[in-house]
N, C-alpha and C. Protein backbone atom coordinates (compact mmCIF):
# COMPACT_ATOMS: atom_id res chain seq x y z
N MET A 1 46.51 -8.73 22.15
CA MET A 1 45.80 -10.31 22.55
C MET A 1 45.95 -11.04 21.22
N LYS A 2 46.07 -11.93 20.59
CA LYS A 2 45.10 -12.39 19.57
C LYS A 2 44.33 -13.30 20.17
N ASP A 3 43.44 -13.69 20.02
CA ASP A 3 42.67 -15.52 20.63
C ASP A 3 41.03 -15.43 20.01
N ILE A 4 41.12 -16.62 19.82
CA ILE A 4 39.45 -17.30 19.85
C ILE A 4 38.01 -16.95 20.61
N ALA A 5 37.31 -16.16 20.49
CA ALA A 5 36.17 -15.85 21.67
C ALA A 5 35.17 -17.03 21.35
N ASP A 6 34.88 -17.47 22.48
CA ASP A 6 33.51 -18.85 22.65
C ASP A 6 32.92 -17.74 22.85
N THR A 7 31.23 -17.70 23.16
CA THR A 7 29.74 -17.91 23.32
C THR A 7 29.80 -17.53 25.17
N GLY A 8 30.49 -17.94 26.05
CA GLY A 8 30.42 -17.80 27.28
C GLY A 8 30.96 -16.29 27.49
N PHE A 9 32.15 -16.08 26.91
CA PHE A 9 33.27 -14.36 26.91
C PHE A 9 32.27 -13.24 26.79
N LEU A 10 31.35 -13.85 25.31
CA LEU A 10 30.51 -13.10 25.09
C LEU A 10 29.32 -12.64 25.35
N VAL A 11 28.69 -13.20 26.27
CA VAL A 11 27.47 -13.53 27.33
C VAL A 11 28.27 -12.51 28.37
N ALA A 12 28.93 -12.71 28.90
CA ALA A 12 29.63 -12.66 30.20
C ALA A 12 29.55 -10.86 29.94
N PHE A 13 30.50 -10.29 28.50
CA PHE A 13 30.58 -9.49 28.96
C PHE A 13 29.76 -8.48 28.23
N ALA A 14 28.58 -8.94 27.65
CA ALA A 14 27.27 -8.55 27.48
C ALA A 14 26.29 -7.99 28.83
N ASN A 15 26.34 -9.24 29.90
CA ASN A 15 25.42 -9.08 30.74
C ASN A 15 26.32 -8.90 31.88
N ARG A 16 25.59 -7.47 32.64
CA ARG A 16 26.16 -7.71 33.74
C ARG A 16 25.81 -8.29 34.50
N HIS A 17 24.71 -9.29 34.92
CA HIS A 17 24.27 -9.57 35.76
C HIS A 17 24.74 -11.21 35.55
N ASP A 18 25.45 -11.29 34.92
CA ASP A 18 26.86 -12.62 34.67
C ASP A 18 27.51 -12.83 35.40
N ARG A 19 27.81 -13.70 36.36
CA ARG A 19 28.52 -13.97 37.28
C ARG A 19 29.80 -13.86 36.50
N HIS A 20 30.40 -13.78 35.70
CA HIS A 20 31.95 -13.46 35.36
C HIS A 20 31.66 -12.31 33.88
N HIS A 21 31.25 -11.17 34.55
CA HIS A 21 31.13 -10.08 33.86
C HIS A 21 32.43 -9.47 34.54
N GLU A 22 32.97 -9.12 35.58
CA GLU A 22 33.70 -8.37 35.41
C GLU A 22 34.98 -8.95 35.00
N TRP A 23 35.75 -10.38 34.67
CA TRP A 23 36.18 -10.96 34.12
C TRP A 23 36.02 -10.51 32.51
N ALA A 24 35.08 -10.74 32.17
CA ALA A 24 34.60 -10.80 30.94
C ALA A 24 35.11 -9.17 30.42
N THR A 25 34.99 -8.06 31.30
CA THR A 25 34.69 -6.55 30.75
C THR A 25 36.65 -6.04 31.58
N GLY A 26 36.83 -7.17 32.23
CA GLY A 26 38.21 -6.49 32.18
C GLY A 26 39.30 -7.29 31.16
N LEU A 27 39.08 -8.33 31.03
CA LEU A 27 39.62 -8.89 29.35
C LEU A 27 39.59 -8.05 28.16
N ALA A 28 38.00 -7.67 28.42
CA ALA A 28 37.57 -6.98 27.02
C ALA A 28 38.46 -5.81 26.63
N GLN A 29 39.47 -5.14 27.79
CA GLN A 29 39.55 -4.19 27.69
C GLN A 29 41.11 -4.23 27.22
N ARG A 30 41.64 -5.66 27.33
CA ARG A 30 43.11 -5.64 27.03
C ARG A 30 43.16 -5.90 25.03
N VAL A 31 41.37 -6.46 24.83
CA VAL A 31 41.61 -6.95 23.47
C VAL A 31 42.30 -5.60 22.28
N THR A 32 43.77 -5.85 21.65
CA THR A 32 43.89 -5.05 20.82
C THR A 32 43.74 -5.70 19.14
N ASP A 33 43.39 -6.07 19.50
CA ASP A 33 42.76 -6.91 17.70
C ASP A 33 41.47 -7.10 17.95
N PRO A 34 40.58 -7.44 17.20
CA PRO A 34 39.44 -8.52 17.15
C PRO A 34 39.89 -9.84 17.32
N LEU A 35 38.61 -10.38 18.40
CA LEU A 35 39.26 -12.05 18.84
C LEU A 35 38.21 -12.45 18.11
N LEU A 36 38.95 -13.61 17.52
CA LEU A 36 38.49 -14.42 16.53
C LEU A 36 37.13 -14.96 16.42
N THR A 37 36.46 -15.20 15.80
CA THR A 37 35.07 -16.04 16.28
C THR A 37 34.19 -16.82 14.82
N CYS A 38 33.48 -17.13 15.35
CA CYS A 38 32.56 -17.67 13.81
C CYS A 38 30.93 -17.82 14.42
N GLU A 39 29.92 -17.76 12.68
CA GLU A 39 28.97 -17.78 13.23
C GLU A 39 28.07 -18.67 14.27
N PRO A 40 28.50 -20.00 14.29
CA PRO A 40 27.79 -20.42 15.51
C PRO A 40 27.50 -19.75 16.84
N VAL A 41 29.11 -19.40 17.33
CA VAL A 41 28.97 -18.49 18.49
C VAL A 41 28.40 -17.36 18.38
N LEU A 42 28.15 -16.82 17.10
CA LEU A 42 27.32 -15.65 17.64
C LEU A 42 25.90 -15.87 17.54
N ALA A 43 25.45 -17.24 16.81
CA ALA A 43 23.94 -16.74 16.51
C ALA A 43 23.81 -17.72 18.24
N GLU A 44 24.60 -18.08 18.84
CA GLU A 44 24.43 -18.59 20.95
C GLU A 44 24.41 -17.65 21.03
N ALA A 45 25.72 -16.53 21.27
CA ALA A 45 25.33 -14.78 22.29
C ALA A 45 24.38 -14.15 22.35
N ALA A 46 23.85 -14.26 20.28
CA ALA A 46 22.00 -13.36 20.15
C ALA A 46 21.39 -14.27 21.02
N PHE A 47 20.71 -15.05 21.02
CA PHE A 47 20.25 -16.17 21.53
C PHE A 47 20.15 -16.06 22.83
N HIS A 48 21.29 -16.50 23.90
CA HIS A 48 21.25 -16.22 25.19
C HIS A 48 21.05 -14.65 25.88
N LEU A 49 21.46 -13.92 24.69
CA LEU A 49 21.26 -12.52 25.45
C LEU A 49 20.03 -11.76 24.92
N GLN A 50 19.42 -12.53 23.88
CA GLN A 50 18.44 -12.03 23.59
C GLN A 50 18.36 -10.46 22.80
N SER A 51 19.59 -11.19 21.86
CA SER A 51 19.95 -9.48 21.47
C SER A 51 20.29 -9.73 19.90
N VAL A 52 20.19 -9.95 18.97
CA VAL A 52 20.71 -9.86 17.96
C VAL A 52 21.84 -8.48 17.09
N PRO A 53 21.03 -7.57 17.29
CA PRO A 53 21.66 -6.36 17.58
C PRO A 53 22.78 -6.02 18.38
N LEU A 54 23.08 -6.22 19.51
CA LEU A 54 23.86 -6.30 21.01
C LEU A 54 24.85 -6.68 20.65
N VAL A 55 25.01 -8.29 19.86
CA VAL A 55 26.04 -9.31 19.17
C VAL A 55 26.53 -8.29 17.76
N LEU A 56 25.78 -8.00 16.95
CA LEU A 56 25.78 -7.51 15.90
C LEU A 56 26.77 -6.42 16.32
N ALA A 57 26.92 -5.73 17.33
CA ALA A 57 27.46 -3.84 17.46
C ALA A 57 29.01 -5.00 17.62
N MET A 58 28.87 -6.07 18.69
CA MET A 58 30.59 -6.51 19.16
C MET A 58 31.46 -7.01 17.74
N VAL A 59 30.17 -6.91 16.77
CA VAL A 59 31.09 -6.97 15.54
C VAL A 59 31.76 -6.45 14.55
N ARG A 60 30.46 -5.02 15.07
CA ARG A 60 30.40 -3.52 14.16
C ARG A 60 31.71 -3.01 14.66
N GLU A 61 31.90 -3.09 16.01
CA GLU A 61 32.79 -2.16 17.06
C GLU A 61 34.34 -2.65 17.34
N GLY A 62 34.61 -4.02 16.74
CA GLY A 62 35.86 -4.73 16.23
C GLY A 62 36.28 -5.39 17.92
N LEU A 63 34.76 -5.89 18.69
CA LEU A 63 35.49 -6.70 19.61
C LEU A 63 35.77 -8.09 19.37
N VAL A 64 35.27 -8.43 17.91
CA VAL A 64 35.56 -10.16 17.33
C VAL A 64 35.30 -9.70 15.79
N SER A 65 35.77 -10.90 15.29
CA SER A 65 35.56 -10.76 13.97
C SER A 65 35.40 -12.12 13.28
N LEU A 66 34.74 -12.19 12.71
CA LEU A 66 34.23 -13.51 11.66
C LEU A 66 35.57 -14.09 11.13
N ALA A 67 36.09 -15.64 11.32
CA ALA A 67 37.28 -16.01 10.84
C ALA A 67 36.54 -17.20 10.46
N PHE A 68 35.90 -17.96 10.00
CA PHE A 68 35.52 -19.03 10.05
C PHE A 68 34.97 -19.68 8.96
N ASP A 69 34.67 -20.37 7.90
CA ASP A 69 33.57 -21.01 7.44
C ASP A 69 33.68 -22.25 7.21
N CYS A 70 32.56 -22.57 7.72
CA CYS A 70 31.82 -24.51 8.49
C CYS A 70 32.08 -24.66 6.88
N GLY A 71 32.13 -24.82 6.14
CA GLY A 71 31.71 -25.35 4.45
C GLY A 71 33.27 -25.67 3.74
N GLU A 72 33.84 -24.95 4.34
CA GLU A 72 35.38 -25.26 4.17
C GLU A 72 36.10 -26.03 4.99
N ASN A 73 35.05 -26.54 6.19
CA ASN A 73 36.06 -27.43 7.51
C ASN A 73 34.97 -28.65 7.28
N LEU A 74 34.15 -28.91 6.55
CA LEU A 74 33.01 -30.05 7.42
C LEU A 74 33.66 -31.20 7.28
N ALA A 75 34.11 -31.28 6.32
CA ALA A 75 34.91 -33.23 6.91
C ALA A 75 35.63 -33.18 8.24
N GLN A 76 36.49 -32.09 8.68
CA GLN A 76 36.91 -31.86 10.24
C GLN A 76 36.23 -31.36 11.28
N LEU A 77 35.26 -31.03 10.50
CA LEU A 77 33.75 -30.87 11.85
C LEU A 77 33.11 -32.37 11.84
N ASP A 78 32.63 -32.89 10.85
CA ASP A 78 32.41 -34.25 11.00
C ASP A 78 33.13 -35.51 11.77
N SER A 79 34.56 -35.06 11.50
CA SER A 79 35.33 -36.12 12.48
C SER A 79 35.38 -35.61 13.68
N LEU A 80 35.29 -34.51 13.94
CA LEU A 80 35.24 -33.74 15.42
C LEU A 80 33.52 -34.31 16.36
N ALA A 81 33.45 -34.27 15.51
CA ALA A 81 31.19 -34.74 16.05
C ALA A 81 31.41 -36.07 16.56
N ALA A 82 32.36 -36.89 15.32
CA ALA A 82 32.25 -38.15 16.22
C ALA A 82 33.39 -38.74 16.82
N ARG A 83 34.05 -37.85 17.05
CA ARG A 83 35.01 -38.03 18.27
C ARG A 83 34.72 -37.87 19.50
N TYR A 84 33.96 -36.59 19.91
CA TYR A 84 33.10 -36.13 20.51
C TYR A 84 31.93 -36.54 20.89
N ALA A 85 31.26 -37.42 19.94
CA ALA A 85 29.90 -37.43 20.15
C ALA A 85 28.82 -38.02 21.49
N ASP A 86 29.93 -38.65 22.44
CA ASP A 86 29.45 -38.83 23.44
C ASP A 86 29.23 -37.95 24.63
N ARG A 87 29.89 -36.59 24.94
CA ARG A 87 30.22 -35.11 24.83
C ARG A 87 28.54 -34.89 24.65
N ARG A 88 28.28 -34.56 23.29
CA ARG A 88 27.58 -33.73 22.71
C ARG A 88 27.89 -32.26 22.36
N PRO A 89 28.57 -31.80 21.80
CA PRO A 89 29.27 -30.99 21.45
C PRO A 89 28.52 -30.12 20.99
N ASP A 90 28.26 -28.96 20.97
CA ASP A 90 27.28 -27.99 19.72
C ASP A 90 28.26 -28.00 19.03
N LEU A 91 27.66 -27.15 17.79
CA LEU A 91 28.66 -26.78 16.69
C LEU A 91 29.62 -25.45 16.83
N ALA A 92 29.00 -24.70 17.58
CA ALA A 92 30.18 -23.79 18.00
C ALA A 92 31.41 -24.03 18.59
N ASP A 93 31.21 -24.97 19.91
CA ASP A 93 32.46 -25.92 19.91
C ASP A 93 33.25 -26.59 19.32
N LEU A 94 32.94 -27.13 18.55
CA LEU A 94 33.41 -27.89 17.37
C LEU A 94 34.30 -26.56 16.16
N CYS A 95 33.13 -25.83 16.00
CA CYS A 95 34.08 -24.82 15.06
C CYS A 95 35.46 -24.34 15.74
N LEU A 96 35.47 -24.02 17.48
CA LEU A 96 36.28 -23.08 17.87
C LEU A 96 37.81 -24.39 18.38
N ILE A 97 37.35 -25.68 18.18
CA ILE A 97 38.03 -26.56 17.96
C ILE A 97 38.82 -26.34 17.18
N ARG A 98 38.55 -26.58 15.74
CA ARG A 98 38.73 -26.49 14.74
C ARG A 98 39.68 -25.55 14.31
N MET A 99 39.05 -24.07 15.16
CA MET A 99 40.25 -22.98 14.73
C MET A 99 41.29 -22.63 15.80
N SER A 100 41.02 -23.35 16.98
CA SER A 100 42.35 -23.76 17.43
C SER A 100 43.54 -24.38 16.19
N GLU A 101 42.90 -24.95 16.24
CA GLU A 101 43.77 -26.10 15.04
C GLU A 101 44.21 -25.39 13.89
N LEU A 102 43.41 -24.43 13.41
CA LEU A 102 43.84 -23.48 12.18
C LEU A 102 44.56 -22.46 12.64
N HIS A 103 45.02 -21.90 13.96
CA HIS A 103 44.92 -20.98 14.75
C HIS A 103 45.88 -21.36 15.99
N PRO A 104 47.19 -21.65 15.61
CA PRO A 104 48.00 -22.58 16.66
C PRO A 104 48.34 -21.46 18.08
N ARG A 105 48.35 -20.52 17.48
CA ARG A 105 48.73 -19.54 18.80
C ARG A 105 47.93 -18.64 19.47
N HIS A 106 46.64 -19.14 18.46
CA HIS A 106 45.56 -18.39 19.48
C HIS A 106 45.39 -19.21 20.90
N ASN A 107 44.58 -18.82 21.93
CA ASN A 107 44.09 -19.19 23.15
C ASN A 107 42.22 -19.12 22.64
N VAL A 108 41.53 -20.09 23.47
CA VAL A 108 39.89 -19.61 22.99
C VAL A 108 39.56 -19.29 24.49
N VAL A 109 39.09 -17.81 24.39
CA VAL A 109 38.78 -17.35 25.39
C VAL A 109 37.33 -18.57 26.10
N THR A 110 36.53 -18.71 26.90
CA THR A 110 35.93 -19.47 27.39
C THR A 110 35.59 -19.90 28.58
N VAL A 111 34.25 -19.35 29.11
CA VAL A 111 34.04 -19.67 30.78
C VAL A 111 33.64 -21.02 30.75
N ASP A 112 33.88 -22.31 29.47
CA ASP A 112 32.99 -23.88 29.50
C ASP A 112 34.49 -24.79 29.42
N ARG A 113 35.59 -24.40 30.44
CA ARG A 113 36.75 -25.00 31.28
C ARG A 113 36.15 -26.75 31.13
N ALA A 114 35.20 -26.69 31.71
CA ALA A 114 34.98 -28.58 31.80
C ALA A 114 34.93 -29.03 30.62
N ASP A 115 34.19 -28.57 29.68
CA ASP A 115 34.47 -29.64 28.12
C ASP A 115 35.56 -28.66 26.95
N PHE A 116 36.58 -27.96 27.29
CA PHE A 116 37.70 -27.28 26.83
C PHE A 116 38.79 -28.18 27.02
N ARG A 117 38.68 -28.23 28.55
CA ARG A 117 39.75 -29.57 28.95
C ARG A 117 40.30 -30.57 28.26
N VAL A 118 38.42 -31.38 27.73
CA VAL A 118 38.71 -32.75 27.30
C VAL A 118 39.16 -32.55 25.76
N TYR A 119 38.23 -31.85 25.21
CA TYR A 119 39.18 -31.32 23.60
C TYR A 119 40.83 -31.04 23.53
N ARG A 120 40.68 -31.56 22.80
CA ARG A 120 41.82 -31.91 22.08
C ARG A 120 42.07 -30.89 20.25
N ARG A 121 42.90 -30.62 20.44
CA ARG A 121 42.90 -29.97 18.72
C ARG A 121 44.34 -31.45 18.00
N ASN A 122 43.87 -31.76 16.91
CA ASN A 122 44.53 -32.08 16.07
C ASN A 122 44.90 -33.37 16.88
N LYS A 123 43.37 -34.36 17.49
CA LYS A 123 43.31 -35.55 18.04
C LYS A 123 44.34 -35.25 19.78
N ARG A 124 45.55 -35.15 19.94
CA ARG A 124 46.24 -35.28 21.29
C ARG A 124 46.36 -34.01 22.01
N GLU A 125 45.99 -32.70 21.00
CA GLU A 125 46.85 -31.50 21.76
C GLU A 125 46.14 -30.76 22.96
N ALA A 126 46.66 -30.02 23.82
CA ALA A 126 45.36 -29.64 24.48
C ALA A 126 45.31 -28.47 23.79
N ILE A 127 44.39 -27.65 24.17
CA ILE A 127 43.77 -26.79 23.42
C ILE A 127 44.26 -25.53 24.47
N PRO A 128 45.06 -24.38 24.59
CA PRO A 128 45.23 -23.33 25.43
C PRO A 128 44.05 -22.60 25.46
N LEU A 129 43.76 -22.24 26.55
CA LEU A 129 42.57 -21.69 27.59
C LEU A 129 43.11 -20.20 27.48
N ILE A 130 42.34 -19.65 28.44
CA ILE A 130 41.59 -18.07 28.83
C ILE A 130 40.16 -18.29 29.52
N CYS A 131 40.35 -18.42 30.88
CA CYS A 131 39.51 -18.70 31.24
C CYS A 131 39.16 -18.12 33.14
N PRO A 132 38.08 -17.48 33.11
CA PRO A 132 37.87 -16.74 34.74
C PRO A 132 38.09 -18.01 35.68
N PRO A 133 38.88 -17.58 36.45
CA PRO A 133 39.07 -17.60 38.44
C PRO A 133 38.12 -18.55 38.33
N GLU A 134 38.73 -19.96 38.60
CA GLU A 134 38.15 -21.43 39.48
C GLU A 134 37.23 -20.43 40.86
N ALA A 135 36.21 -20.60 41.32
CA ALA A 135 35.82 -20.39 42.88
C ALA A 135 35.92 -21.06 43.78
């Protein structure tokens, strides 16, 4: 399984009270290579979980791996921020859109189906997603 992890997946995985916890833990059991992610996702997850050590353990234990440099992709992030200004995306979402462009064979693992169905990589391509089942 080679995919890109969003904040909601990490939070659901680590928080047994999250409504998507079972889905996230089941998915994590199938991870053979670390899921790619970015620092803004880790920062958001640490904030929501109120635990930096827990998030760092996800990196240390190989659930996720950092695979993005905001500085090297600043122009593309600026462009994405302008394109989606009406949705007010956070930096993590913009980084994940860009990561999907850089890793086109990877799905984005997210609980944020609503926004990621709107976002497009390379201006017009739907981003392949892995989301929890709709209720």
